[in-house]
Amino acid sequence: MNGLLVVDKPGGMTSHDVVSRLRRITGEKSIGHLGTLDPMATGVLPLLMGKYTRLAQYFSSAEKSYTGAIRFGFSTDTYDAEGVADGPDRWANVCGQITLERVREAAARFHGEMQQMPPAFSAKKIAGTPAYKLAREGKPVELKTAKVKIEHFAITGLDGAEADFEMSISAGGYVRSVAHELGRDLGCGAHLSRLRRTRAGVFMLDEAHTLAELEALEGNAEALEAVCVHPRLLLPEIPAVTGDAMALGRLRNGAQANLPEFSRAAMVKVFAGQRELVGIAKRVAGTLFQPVVVMG
């Protein structure tokens, strides 16, 4: 099965667990997700299936949007609710000082481009080993800061020790790190207590399908294809063009071909008919294109 499917990931599952479930539902073994969601988190998890996994490189820079909650009073080693607390809950001692206005003032600095330290319990690799594996073994985790961009971060409310928020952050950015640093800035400690991804690039929550919905379609290839994102809607920044039989034959064999393409785009998605994506080609000169990804 070839396509891109947007899943509404439930809590308590890893992203790999979702991939395993989709393999059983669809019968397709080659499946990869676009951007890991921690087990605690829910929401938008796009998955590429079959030959579409060859397109993963074009989705790597997609911005993500979230809603969630930050719990004040103590931090954890994972920076979220699944970790071990750094000490006793200090909320009772600081609750009189942590107001909505003060939290919003402290949150204001988390905007635009900045250097962010990833959590020790993360998939960032150190000499080829994921940081979380070293952290679980009690080994030193020496991570480097990375540049991220926070397009939007708003504290929408404060209910007791929890602040609700909305955030849009660049690929590779950690919401958990923002929660941890916010608690440090306020002097009371904090961790991420709830997280829901509402957008991953162009993929929105309202087009995501629950695992229960998809399991009801198991064995029905036509119905499963119908819930995939239409191929022409993928990578909207790259124009789509339909090739003739001669051009498609050449592109499928890795050769250059002329395409009826009228924009000056450097790259195009090449289709045979409305739904069959043949590949992605780059402009050589004029209407002459070289295939860079061939779906077969």
Protein backbone atom coordinates (compact mmCIF):
# COMPACT_ATOMS: atom_id res chain seq x y z
CA MET A 1 0.00 0.00 0.00
CA ASN A 2 1.43 3.37 -1.04
CA GLY A 3 0.36 6.68 0.47
CA LEU A 4 0.45 9.09 3.39
CA LEU A 5 -1.92 8.50 6.28
CA VAL A 6 -2.48 10.94 9.15
CA VAL A 7 -3.11 9.17 12.45
CA ASP A 8 -4.43 10.67 15.69
CA LYS A 9 -1.95 8.96 18.02
CA PRO A 10 -3.43 7.90 21.36
CA GLY A 11 -1.59 8.37 24.63
CA GLY A 12 0.40 5.51 26.14
CA MET A 13 1.83 4.31 22.81
CA THR A 14 5.17 5.01 21.20
CA SER A 15 5.26 6.21 17.59
CA HIS A 16 6.81 2.84 16.74
CA ASP A 17 3.82 1.10 18.34
CA VAL A 18 1.56 3.01 15.94
CA VAL A 19 3.72 1.96 12.98
CA SER A 20 3.45 -1.69 14.09
CA ARG A 21 -0.33 -1.38 14.35
CA LEU A 22 -0.56 0.16 10.88
CA ARG A 23 1.53 -2.65 9.41
CA ARG A 24 -1.06 -5.13 10.63
CA ILE A 25 -4.02 -3.04 9.46
CA THR A 26 -2.69 -2.28 5.99
CA GLY A 27 -0.51 -5.31 5.30
CA GLU A 28 2.26 -2.91 4.25
CA LYS A 29 5.63 -3.58 5.89
CA SER A 30 7.43 -0.42 4.78
CA ILE A 31 5.99 2.36 7.00
CA GLY A 32 7.73 5.32 8.62
CA HIS A 33 6.46 8.20 10.73
CA LEU A 34 7.27 11.87 10.16
CA GLY A 35 8.34 13.20 13.55
CA THR A 36 8.28 11.17 16.77
CA LEU A 37 5.62 11.78 19.39
CA ASP A 38 6.48 10.78 22.96
CA PRO A 39 4.29 8.03 24.49
CA MET A 40 2.48 10.56 26.69
CA ALA A 41 1.61 12.79 23.73
CA THR A 42 -1.40 12.48 21.44
CA GLY A 43 -2.39 13.95 18.10
CA VAL A 44 -1.15 14.33 14.55
CA LEU A 45 1.28 11.62 13.42
CA PRO A 46 1.73 11.45 9.62
CA LEU A 47 2.96 8.11 8.28
CA LEU A 48 4.44 7.33 4.88
CA MET A 49 3.67 3.88 3.50
CA GLY A 50 5.23 1.76 0.79
CA LYS A 51 7.04 3.62 -1.96
CA TYR A 52 6.02 6.94 -0.38
CA THR A 53 8.69 6.41 2.30
CA ARG A 54 11.10 7.67 -0.38
CA LEU A 55 9.60 11.13 0.11
CA ALA A 56 10.55 11.41 3.81
CA GLN A 57 13.44 13.82 3.11
CA TYR A 58 11.00 16.46 1.84
CA PHE A 59 9.04 16.57 5.11
CA SER A 60 11.98 16.91 7.54
CA SER A 61 11.69 20.67 8.11
CA ALA A 62 7.95 20.82 8.82
CA GLU A 63 6.89 23.08 11.72
CA LYS A 64 4.70 21.51 14.42
CA SER A 65 1.88 23.02 16.51
CA TYR A 66 0.74 21.85 19.94
CA THR A 67 -1.61 22.44 22.83
CA GLY A 68 -0.85 21.17 26.30
CA ALA A 69 -0.20 21.93 29.94
CA ILE A 70 2.84 22.71 32.08
CA ARG A 71 2.80 21.63 35.72
CA PHE A 72 4.69 23.87 38.17
CA GLY A 73 6.20 22.76 41.48
CA PHE A 74 8.86 20.25 40.42
CA SER A 75 10.85 19.19 37.39
CA THR A 76 11.59 15.65 36.24
CA ASP A 77 14.55 13.93 34.61
CA THR A 78 12.59 13.46 31.35
CA TYR A 79 11.09 16.98 31.52
CA ASP A 80 7.59 15.45 31.38
CA ALA A 81 5.09 13.66 33.64
CA GLU A 82 6.58 10.24 32.92
CA GLY A 83 9.92 11.07 34.53
CA VAL A 84 11.30 10.92 38.06
CA ALA A 85 10.77 14.08 40.13
CA ASP A 86 13.82 16.09 41.15
CA GLY A 87 12.47 16.38 44.69
CA PRO A 88 9.31 17.09 46.67
CA ASP A 89 6.44 19.06 45.16
CA ARG A 90 7.09 22.74 45.98
CA TRP A 91 3.79 24.08 44.66
CA ALA A 92 2.27 24.69 48.10
CA ASN A 93 5.23 26.94 48.96
CA VAL A 94 5.20 28.97 45.71
CA CYS A 95 1.55 29.04 44.63
CA GLY A 96 1.09 32.56 45.94
CA GLN A 97 3.90 33.82 43.72
CA ILE A 98 3.01 32.02 40.45
CA THR A 99 0.29 34.10 38.85
CA LEU A 100 -0.99 34.01 35.26
CA GLU A 101 0.61 37.41 34.62
CA ARG A 102 3.99 36.27 35.93
CA VAL A 103 3.91 33.04 33.92
CA ARG A 104 3.09 35.00 30.76
CA GLU A 105 5.93 37.42 31.43
CA ALA A 106 8.37 34.54 31.87
CA ALA A 107 7.06 32.81 28.72
CA ALA A 108 7.58 35.91 26.56
CA ARG A 109 11.28 35.15 26.02
CA PHE A 110 10.46 31.87 24.26
CA HIS A 111 9.86 33.42 20.87
CA GLY A 112 11.83 33.52 17.63
CA GLU A 113 15.17 31.80 17.03
CA MET A 114 17.10 30.55 20.06
CA GLN A 115 19.50 27.88 21.24
CA GLN A 116 17.75 24.99 23.01
CA MET A 117 19.21 22.16 25.05
CA PRO A 118 17.46 18.85 24.21
CA PRO A 119 16.36 16.62 27.10
CA ALA A 120 18.77 13.87 28.14
CA PHE A 121 15.90 11.44 27.56
CA SER A 122 15.56 12.16 23.84
CA ALA A 123 16.31 10.55 20.49
CA LYS A 124 19.25 12.87 19.85
CA LYS A 125 22.30 10.75 19.08
CA ILE A 126 25.69 10.86 20.79
CA ALA A 127 28.34 9.01 18.78
CA GLY A 128 25.55 7.06 17.11
CA THR A 129 23.72 6.11 20.34
CA PRO A 130 20.35 7.69 21.23
CA ALA A 131 20.71 9.90 24.30
CA TYR A 132 17.82 8.21 26.09
CA LYS A 133 19.64 4.85 26.04
CA LEU A 134 22.67 6.39 27.75
CA ALA A 135 20.43 8.19 30.26
CA ARG A 136 18.57 4.98 31.15
CA GLU A 137 21.89 3.24 31.78
CA GLY A 138 23.02 6.07 34.05
CA LYS A 139 25.82 7.04 31.69
CA PRO A 140 26.81 10.69 31.11
CA VAL A 141 24.78 12.44 28.42
CA GLU A 142 26.68 15.29 26.80
CA LEU A 143 24.30 16.97 24.39
CA LYS A 144 24.84 20.21 22.49
CA THR A 145 22.38 23.02 22.10
CA ALA A 146 20.53 23.27 18.81
CA LYS A 147 18.96 26.25 17.08
CA VAL A 148 15.17 26.17 17.09
CA LYS A 149 12.50 28.67 16.17
CA ILE A 150 9.37 29.18 18.24
CA GLU A 151 6.84 30.92 16.04
CA HIS A 152 4.12 31.11 18.69
CA PHE A 153 3.95 30.40 22.43
CA ALA A 154 0.94 31.58 24.39
CA ILE A 155 -0.09 30.77 27.97
CA THR A 156 -3.86 30.52 27.63
CA GLY A 157 -4.76 29.93 31.28
CA LEU A 158 -3.59 28.95 34.76
CA ASP A 159 -5.60 26.47 36.81
CA GLY A 160 -3.92 25.70 40.10
CA ALA A 161 -0.43 24.35 39.40
CA GLU A 162 -1.06 23.83 35.67
CA ALA A 163 -0.77 26.37 32.86
CA ASP A 164 -2.43 25.63 29.53
CA PHE A 165 -0.53 26.71 26.42
CA GLU A 166 -0.41 26.78 22.62
CA MET A 167 2.88 26.50 20.73
CA SER A 168 4.25 26.34 17.18
CA ILE A 169 7.88 25.22 17.01
CA SER A 170 10.34 24.27 14.29
CA ALA A 171 11.27 20.69 13.46
CA GLY A 172 13.66 19.26 16.03
CA GLY A 173 12.44 21.54 18.82
CA TYR A 174 11.38 20.09 22.18
CA VAL A 175 8.27 21.39 23.95
CA ARG A 176 9.50 19.51 27.05
CA SER A 177 12.62 21.67 27.15
CA VAL A 178 10.54 24.85 27.07
CA ALA A 179 8.47 23.60 30.02
CA HIS A 180 11.64 22.70 31.96
CA GLU A 181 13.31 26.05 31.29
CA LEU A 182 10.15 27.98 32.16
CA GLY A 183 10.03 26.28 35.56
CA ARG A 184 13.70 27.05 36.11
CA ASP A 185 13.17 30.71 35.20
CA LEU A 186 10.29 30.95 37.67
CA GLY A 187 12.38 29.27 40.38
CA CYS A 188 9.85 26.56 41.17
CA GLY A 189 10.58 23.78 38.69
CA ALA A 190 8.14 22.56 36.03
CA HIS A 191 7.49 19.73 33.63
CA LEU A 192 5.24 19.00 30.68
CA SER A 193 2.08 17.34 31.99
CA ARG A 194 0.01 17.10 28.80
CA LEU A 195 0.73 17.44 25.07
CA ARG A 196 -1.39 17.18 21.94
CA ARG A 197 -0.01 17.83 18.46
CA THR A 198 -2.57 19.73 16.43
CA ARG A 199 -0.51 20.23 13.27
CA ALA A 200 2.54 18.74 11.55
CA GLY A 201 3.44 20.84 8.54
CA VAL A 202 0.28 21.05 6.43
CA PHE A 203 -1.40 18.11 8.18
CA MET A 204 -4.10 19.10 10.66
CA LEU A 205 -5.87 17.30 13.48
CA ASP A 206 -9.23 17.40 11.69
CA GLU A 207 -7.87 15.10 8.95
CA ALA A 208 -6.33 12.59 11.36
CA HIS A 209 -7.86 9.15 11.82
CA THR A 210 -7.99 7.19 15.05
CA LEU A 211 -6.61 3.66 15.19
CA ALA A 212 -10.13 2.40 15.91
CA GLU A 213 -11.37 3.98 12.66
CA LEU A 214 -8.53 2.42 10.71
CA GLU A 215 -8.88 -1.00 12.32
CA ALA A 216 -12.50 -1.07 11.11
CA LEU A 217 -11.10 -0.87 7.55
CA GLU A 218 -8.57 -3.68 7.94
CA GLY A 219 -8.44 -5.81 4.79
CA ASN A 220 -10.28 -3.19 2.70
CA ALA A 221 -7.50 -1.72 0.54
CA GLU A 222 -9.84 0.58 -1.38
CA ALA A 223 -11.28 2.10 1.80
CA LEU A 224 -7.82 2.51 3.33
CA GLU A 225 -6.57 4.28 0.20
CA ALA A 226 -9.58 6.60 0.38
CA VAL A 227 -8.57 7.85 3.85
CA CYS A 228 -5.01 8.59 2.75
CA VAL A 229 -4.12 12.16 1.83
CA HIS A 230 -4.69 12.71 -1.90
CA PRO A 231 -1.28 12.44 -3.60
CA ARG A 232 -1.65 15.80 -5.34
CA LEU A 233 -2.09 17.53 -1.98
CA LEU A 234 1.28 16.30 -0.71
CA LEU A 235 4.19 18.76 -0.70
CA PRO A 236 2.05 21.70 -1.88
CA GLU A 237 5.16 23.86 -2.29
CA ILE A 238 6.18 21.64 -5.24
CA PRO A 239 3.98 22.07 -8.36
CA ALA A 240 2.36 18.99 -9.91
CA VAL A 241 2.60 18.07 -13.59
CA THR A 242 1.15 15.17 -15.60
CA GLY A 243 3.59 13.54 -18.01
CA ASP A 244 2.87 11.74 -21.27
CA ALA A 245 3.76 8.08 -21.80
CA MET A 246 7.15 8.81 -23.37
CA ALA A 247 8.25 11.23 -20.65
CA LEU A 248 7.04 8.93 -17.87
CA GLY A 249 8.90 5.99 -19.37
CA ARG A 250 12.14 7.94 -19.48
CA LEU A 251 11.76 9.27 -15.93
CA ARG A 252 10.99 5.80 -14.56
CA ASN A 253 14.27 4.62 -16.06
CA GLY A 254 16.22 7.49 -14.50
CA ALA A 255 16.60 9.45 -17.73
CA GLN A 256 15.89 13.12 -18.37
CA ALA A 257 12.60 14.04 -20.02
CA ASN A 258 10.67 17.04 -21.24
CA LEU A 259 7.57 17.90 -19.22
CA PRO A 260 4.73 20.33 -20.01
CA GLU A 261 5.63 22.55 -17.07
CA PHE A 262 4.94 26.29 -17.30
CA SER A 263 6.18 27.67 -13.98
CA ARG A 264 9.83 28.29 -13.18
CA ALA A 265 9.81 25.91 -10.22
CA ALA A 266 13.08 24.10 -9.59
CA MET A 267 11.26 20.87 -8.70
CA VAL A 268 7.99 19.24 -9.80
CA LYS A 269 5.87 16.27 -8.73
CA VAL A 270 5.27 14.07 -11.75
CA PHE A 271 1.98 12.20 -12.11
CA ALA A 272 0.50 9.61 -14.44
CA GLY A 273 -3.19 10.51 -14.26
CA GLN A 274 -4.75 12.08 -11.16
CA ARG A 275 -3.46 9.85 -8.36
CA GLU A 276 -0.39 7.91 -9.50
CA LEU A 277 2.73 9.72 -8.32
CA VAL A 278 5.64 8.68 -10.54
CA GLY A 279 8.27 10.72 -8.74
CA ILE A 280 9.91 14.08 -8.19
CA ALA A 281 12.10 15.71 -10.82
CA LYS A 282 14.37 18.76 -10.85
CA ARG A 283 14.66 21.22 -13.68
CA VAL A 284 17.79 20.97 -15.80
CA ALA A 285 16.93 23.67 -18.33
CA GLY A 286 13.69 24.93 -19.81
CA THR A 287 11.22 22.02 -19.80
CA LEU A 288 13.93 19.37 -19.39
CA PHE A 289 13.82 17.57 -16.01
CA GLN A 290 15.97 14.99 -14.23
CA PRO A 291 14.27 12.51 -11.84
CA VAL A 292 15.54 12.70 -8.25
CA VAL A 293 12.97 10.35 -6.69
CA VAL A 294 11.35 7.56 -8.71
CA MET A 295 8.42 5.68 -7.20
CA GLY A 296 8.62 2.88 -9.76
